[in-house]
Structure formats: structure tokens, C-alpha cells
Amino acid sequence: MNTTQSFVKLTCGTVGMLLALTALAWQTPILVYHRFAQTAEDSMTVRAAVFQQQLDQIDRDGYQVIPLKRLVDHLLGLAPPPPVKSIVITADDGHESVYRTMAPITMRVRIPVTVFIYPSAISNASYAMTWHEIDELKRSGYFDIGSHSYWHPNFLRERQRLDPAAYARFVDDQLVRSKAVLERKAGAQIDLLAWPFGLVDHELEAHARKAGYVAAFTLEHRPVREGDDPMALPRYLITDAVGAKAFAVILHEADAK
């Protein structure tokens, strides 16, 4: 082997090693919120002041909030890895405080958010947003919409109650109907799903793929990493009880490894 061949072989090997290390370097925490208020009215409510402090902490410590879709695109092989120190913010259920309290805060600092909605509550339940409010969020350019099933059932409990055929029909209805309604009402492609209560198994994953979802999300308490199952991606549940130190620990998961 001559000198040129040796150099090319060494260079290719070095580049390959660097690419491999780069691919392994990132991991991205996805945060999930539910409700917001001036006071912590229940265990799932985050005070507006606490949420603002968390966003300030993200900015002060040099992290950036990226759209969920950007992370999903990488996992599907459609985009490069997310930058180190990336964070994703999501909100489940479609509570009216997402529109009235969360959105003014996040839009002021131009932070992208993905909201997972179960359509049966929208414009029906007193605690939920209206379709008009969801349309306003979408039109802002900072909010994406995903499915949270049609009425947020506990799928594992329903499996115990129903025979296998009835259970399969029930799951398909929850996933397909939610997707169809959201696409019609929100005027956007809906291919991301947040599992109700974070509960999922391989059978549910298969139903979600058949329904046209490309990624789905749980409540497993860890960051997303290279090679994770796209249909069971982890998220950190953020409540008012998550103090500044605990929040910093979550953020540090996005640092280079």
C-alpha cells in the first residue's frame, strides 16, 4: 500500500469515527405540560410564574427549544441530528390554559410548542380550548397539533374489559377518528400521537402505524436518544413540583455526552 492509499484509508476511517461519535453525542429531553394557572390548583397545574422561570432557565443556560417535528424527522432518517443542548416542549390534553396562559408566554419569546389534543373535549368541555382557539395557535406559526386519541381512554384497562376483536376496533376508532377530526378541523397533517396516560405496548404501536402515525410519545422519564423506538418516545412530565434544581438536571441531559 503506497502513501496516498494509506492517507486515504486513514482519513476515511477518521471521518467515519467522527460521524459515529457525532451521532452518539446528542440526546434531547422532551418536556410535557398539561395545565397552567396563577396558583397550583392541582398536581398537574404549573404556575405561570414557574413556567416563565423555566423558560428563563433554558435561555440563561444556553439551551434552545426546537420543534418536535425536527427531532422526529431525524429519528425517521429525514434530517440531521438535533444540535446539542436542544429541548422540546409539548402540552397534552388541549386545556384552555394552554391558549390563555402558556401561549402568550411562549409566543413572546418565539418558542415552538406541540399540543396533543383529544378532539372529543374541544369546544365541548368547559376546561378545554375551542376549535377557534386551536386555529389561532396554529396560525401563529409557533404551535403544531398532534393527536392524543379521541377521548383519552386507558387502553390497557379497555383491553381487560373487551374481547380481542372489540378491543382492536376500539383502538382503531380512537386513533383513526382523532386523526381524521384533527386534520379536518386544524387543516394540517396529523401524524404524531401522545399515548393517553403514557401507556403503550407493541400491539398499540402496530395500530398506530396502521392508522398513519409516524411517531408517538410516552411519559418515560428520560431523554430521547439515537435508535429509540419512534412509536414509544420518552418525555419528562413537568409539574409545579419540579423545582429549579430538578429542572436543571433534566436540561443537563441535553448536554454533549
Protein backbone atom coordinates (compact mmCIF):
# COMPACT_ATOMS: atom_id res chain seq x y z
CA MET A 1 0.00 0.00 0.00
CA ASN A 2 1.52 3.35 -1.03
CA THR A 3 1.50 6.56 0.99
CA THR A 4 -1.54 8.03 -0.81
CA GLN A 5 -3.60 4.90 -0.23
CA SER A 6 -2.62 4.85 3.45
CA PHE A 7 -3.60 8.51 3.84
CA VAL A 8 -6.99 7.97 2.17
CA LYS A 9 -7.68 4.93 4.33
CA LEU A 10 -6.70 6.79 7.50
CA THR A 11 -8.77 9.85 6.53
CA CYS A 12 -11.87 7.81 5.73
CA GLY A 13 -11.53 5.92 8.98
CA THR A 14 -11.17 9.14 10.97
CA VAL A 15 -14.17 10.76 9.29
CA GLY A 16 -16.25 7.65 9.90
CA MET A 17 -15.27 7.63 13.56
CA LEU A 18 -16.11 11.32 13.94
CA LEU A 19 -19.50 10.80 12.28
CA ALA A 20 -20.22 7.90 14.61
CA LEU A 21 -19.25 9.94 17.66
CA THR A 22 -21.39 12.86 16.46
CA ALA A 23 -24.40 10.57 16.05
CA LEU A 24 -23.99 9.31 19.60
CA ALA A 25 -23.31 12.73 21.14
CA TRP A 26 -26.85 14.07 21.18
CA GLN A 27 -29.82 13.29 23.38
CA THR A 28 -32.87 15.50 23.65
CA PRO A 29 -35.32 15.89 26.55
CA ILE A 30 -38.96 16.36 25.59
CA LEU A 31 -40.94 18.21 28.26
CA VAL A 32 -44.69 17.70 28.61
CA TYR A 33 -47.01 20.10 30.42
CA HIS A 34 -50.76 19.89 30.94
CA ARG A 35 -52.32 22.92 32.63
CA PHE A 36 -51.28 26.43 33.72
CA ALA A 37 -52.66 28.89 36.26
CA GLN A 38 -51.60 31.64 38.62
CA THR A 39 -51.76 29.16 41.51
CA ALA A 40 -51.10 25.40 41.54
CA GLU A 41 -54.72 24.27 41.72
CA ASP A 42 -53.91 20.55 41.35
CA SER A 43 -50.97 18.21 40.81
CA MET A 44 -50.91 18.72 37.03
CA THR A 45 -51.07 22.53 37.06
CA VAL A 46 -47.90 24.59 36.63
CA ARG A 47 -47.96 28.17 37.87
CA ALA A 48 -47.39 30.73 35.13
CA ALA A 49 -44.53 32.29 37.11
CA VAL A 50 -42.82 28.90 37.43
CA PHE A 51 -43.19 28.24 33.71
CA GLN A 52 -41.67 31.63 32.92
CA GLN A 53 -38.77 30.85 35.26
CA GLN A 54 -38.20 27.55 33.48
CA LEU A 55 -38.07 29.25 30.08
CA ASP A 56 -35.66 31.82 31.52
CA GLN A 57 -33.53 28.96 32.85
CA ILE A 58 -33.50 27.30 29.41
CA ASP A 59 -32.32 30.53 27.80
CA ARG A 60 -29.86 31.52 30.53
CA ASP A 61 -28.11 28.13 30.49
CA GLY A 62 -27.66 28.16 26.72
CA TYR A 63 -30.29 25.65 25.64
CA GLN A 64 -32.56 26.04 22.62
CA VAL A 65 -36.13 24.86 22.11
CA ILE A 66 -36.59 23.10 18.77
CA PRO A 67 -39.80 21.92 17.08
CA LEU A 68 -40.78 18.35 17.91
CA LYS A 69 -41.05 17.61 14.21
CA ARG A 70 -37.35 18.39 13.75
CA LEU A 71 -36.43 15.70 16.28
CA VAL A 72 -38.86 13.19 14.76
CA ASP A 73 -37.52 13.84 11.26
CA HIS A 74 -34.05 12.84 12.41
CA LEU A 75 -35.28 9.65 14.03
CA LEU A 76 -37.02 8.79 10.76
CA GLY A 77 -33.82 9.38 8.79
CA LEU A 78 -35.08 12.56 7.14
CA ALA A 79 -32.86 15.16 8.84
CA PRO A 80 -29.52 15.53 10.64
CA PRO A 81 -29.31 15.08 14.42
CA PRO A 82 -30.64 17.89 16.59
CA PRO A 83 -27.99 20.27 17.94
CA VAL A 84 -26.53 19.55 21.35
CA LYS A 85 -28.41 21.39 24.12
CA SER A 86 -31.75 21.08 22.32
CA ILE A 87 -35.04 20.87 24.24
CA VAL A 88 -38.57 20.13 23.00
CA ILE A 89 -41.75 21.44 24.65
CA THR A 90 -45.15 19.76 24.38
CA ALA A 91 -48.52 20.11 26.10
CA ASP A 92 -51.17 17.38 26.40
CA ASP A 93 -54.99 17.45 26.50
CA GLY A 94 -55.91 20.82 24.98
CA HIS A 95 -56.68 22.61 28.25
CA GLU A 96 -57.88 26.20 27.82
CA SER A 97 -54.91 27.47 29.86
CA VAL A 98 -52.62 26.44 27.00
CA TYR A 99 -54.27 29.17 24.95
CA ARG A 100 -54.80 31.74 27.70
CA THR A 101 -51.64 31.32 29.78
CA MET A 102 -48.98 29.23 28.03
CA ALA A 103 -49.27 30.64 24.52
CA PRO A 104 -48.75 34.33 25.38
CA ILE A 105 -45.56 33.39 27.23
CA THR A 106 -44.09 31.10 24.59
CA MET A 107 -45.06 33.27 21.62
CA ARG A 108 -43.47 36.31 23.23
CA VAL A 109 -40.10 34.56 23.11
CA ARG A 110 -40.87 32.69 19.86
CA ILE A 111 -40.69 29.16 21.25
CA PRO A 112 -42.22 26.27 19.27
CA VAL A 113 -44.71 24.01 21.06
CA THR A 114 -46.57 20.86 20.01
CA VAL A 115 -50.02 20.42 21.57
CA PHE A 116 -51.54 16.93 21.72
CA ILE A 117 -55.33 17.06 21.71
CA TYR A 118 -58.20 14.65 22.21
CA PRO A 119 -60.94 16.13 19.98
CA SER A 120 -63.97 14.97 21.97
CA ALA A 121 -63.28 17.72 24.54
CA ILE A 122 -62.64 20.60 22.16
CA SER A 123 -65.48 23.16 22.09
CA ASN A 124 -67.38 20.77 24.37
CA ALA A 125 -65.76 20.52 27.80
CA SER A 126 -65.61 23.66 29.92
CA TYR A 127 -61.92 23.12 30.66
CA ALA A 128 -60.88 22.71 27.01
CA MET A 129 -59.91 25.05 24.22
CA THR A 130 -62.26 25.78 21.35
CA TRP A 131 -61.56 24.98 17.70
CA HIS A 132 -61.23 28.69 17.04
CA GLU A 133 -58.53 28.99 19.71
CA ILE A 134 -56.67 25.99 18.30
CA ASP A 135 -56.82 27.58 14.86
CA GLU A 136 -55.34 30.77 16.30
CA LEU A 137 -52.46 28.82 17.84
CA LYS A 138 -51.77 27.01 14.60
CA ARG A 139 -51.88 30.23 12.57
CA SER A 140 -49.32 31.82 14.90
CA GLY A 141 -46.64 29.60 13.38
CA TYR A 142 -45.36 28.55 16.81
CA PHE A 143 -47.82 25.73 17.59
CA ASP A 144 -48.12 22.32 15.96
CA ILE A 145 -51.01 19.96 16.63
CA GLY A 146 -50.88 16.24 17.40
CA SER A 147 -53.36 13.55 18.42
CA HIS A 148 -53.98 12.36 21.98
CA SER A 149 -56.58 9.73 20.89
CA TYR A 150 -60.25 10.68 20.52
CA TRP A 151 -61.35 10.76 24.16
CA HIS A 152 -58.23 9.81 26.18
CA PRO A 153 -59.06 6.24 27.27
CA ASN A 154 -56.85 3.94 29.29
CA PHE A 155 -56.16 1.40 26.54
CA LEU A 156 -54.79 -1.26 28.88
CA ARG A 157 -57.93 -1.11 31.02
CA GLU A 158 -60.11 -1.32 27.91
CA ARG A 159 -58.24 -4.44 26.83
CA GLN A 160 -59.27 -6.16 30.07
CA ARG A 161 -62.89 -5.14 29.54
CA LEU A 162 -63.30 -6.05 25.85
CA ASP A 163 -62.81 -9.21 23.83
CA PRO A 164 -59.83 -9.09 21.38
CA ALA A 165 -61.86 -8.19 18.29
CA ALA A 166 -63.83 -5.48 20.07
CA TYR A 167 -60.64 -4.11 21.61
CA ALA A 168 -58.95 -3.88 18.20
CA ARG A 169 -61.96 -1.99 16.80
CA PHE A 170 -61.95 0.33 19.82
CA VAL A 171 -58.27 1.20 19.43
CA ASP A 172 -58.60 1.78 15.70
CA ASP A 173 -61.60 4.05 16.25
CA GLN A 174 -59.76 6.11 18.88
CA LEU A 175 -56.69 6.61 16.72
CA VAL A 176 -58.28 6.95 13.29
CA ARG A 177 -61.17 9.18 14.35
CA SER A 178 -58.91 11.55 16.28
CA LYS A 179 -56.58 11.89 13.32
CA ALA A 180 -59.42 12.48 10.89
CA VAL A 181 -61.17 15.09 13.04
CA LEU A 182 -57.95 16.98 13.78
CA GLU A 183 -56.93 17.02 10.13
CA ARG A 184 -60.33 18.34 9.14
CA LYS A 185 -60.59 20.94 11.90
CA ALA A 186 -56.93 22.02 12.09
CA GLY A 187 -56.25 21.82 8.38
CA ALA A 188 -52.91 20.09 8.88
CA GLN A 189 -51.42 16.64 8.54
CA ILE A 190 -51.64 14.80 11.86
CA ASP A 191 -49.04 12.06 12.19
CA LEU A 192 -47.80 12.45 15.78
CA LEU A 193 -49.56 10.80 18.73
CA ALA A 194 -49.23 11.13 22.51
CA TRP A 195 -50.36 7.94 24.24
CA PRO A 196 -53.07 8.58 26.87
CA PHE A 197 -51.52 8.19 30.33
CA GLY A 198 -48.27 7.34 28.52
CA LEU A 199 -49.36 3.70 28.24
CA VAL A 200 -48.24 1.70 25.20
CA ASP A 201 -47.29 -1.80 24.10
CA HIS A 202 -46.32 -3.44 20.81
CA GLU A 203 -49.93 -4.13 19.84
CA LEU A 204 -50.88 -0.47 20.29
CA GLU A 205 -47.82 0.59 18.32
CA ALA A 206 -48.95 -1.59 15.41
CA HIS A 207 -52.41 0.01 15.49
CA ALA A 208 -50.85 3.48 15.47
CA ARG A 209 -48.66 2.70 12.46
CA LYS A 210 -51.67 1.31 10.61
CA ALA A 211 -53.61 4.49 11.40
CA GLY A 212 -50.90 6.62 9.79
CA TYR A 213 -48.86 7.88 12.73
CA VAL A 214 -45.08 8.07 12.30
CA ALA A 215 -44.13 8.75 15.93
CA ALA A 216 -45.75 8.52 19.35
CA PHE A 217 -44.85 9.60 22.86
CA THR A 218 -44.96 8.17 26.37
CA LEU A 219 -44.23 9.51 29.85
CA GLU A 220 -40.99 7.59 30.37
CA HIS A 221 -38.68 9.86 32.39
CA ARG A 222 -35.56 10.13 30.20
CA PRO A 223 -34.28 11.93 27.08
CA VAL A 224 -34.76 10.75 23.52
CA ARG A 225 -31.65 9.01 22.17
CA GLU A 226 -30.42 7.71 18.84
CA GLY A 227 -32.12 4.42 17.97
CA ASP A 228 -35.17 4.90 20.20
CA ASP A 229 -38.45 3.33 19.06
CA PRO A 230 -40.28 6.16 17.24
CA MET A 231 -43.63 4.84 18.47
CA ALA A 232 -42.68 4.99 22.16
CA LEU A 233 -40.53 8.09 22.62
CA PRO A 234 -39.96 9.26 26.21
CA ARG A 235 -40.99 12.58 27.74
CA TYR A 236 -40.47 14.28 31.09
CA LEU A 237 -43.71 15.11 32.88
CA ILE A 238 -43.32 18.66 34.23
CA THR A 239 -45.47 19.69 37.18
CA ASP A 240 -45.27 22.57 39.63
CA ALA A 241 -43.38 20.28 42.00
CA VAL A 242 -40.38 20.17 39.64
CA GLY A 243 -38.10 22.74 41.25
CA ALA A 244 -35.25 24.67 39.66
CA LYS A 245 -32.61 22.08 40.65
CA ALA A 246 -34.63 19.16 39.31
CA PHE A 247 -35.38 21.10 36.15
CA ALA A 248 -31.66 21.81 35.69
CA VAL A 249 -30.93 18.08 35.94
CA ILE A 250 -33.38 17.44 33.11
CA LEU A 251 -31.85 20.19 30.99
CA HIS A 252 -28.35 18.80 31.52
CA GLU A 253 -29.45 15.63 29.75
CA ALA A 254 -29.24 17.67 26.56
CA ASP A 255 -25.54 18.42 27.08
CA ALA A 256 -22.90 16.69 24.95
CA LYS A 257 -22.22 13.15 26.13
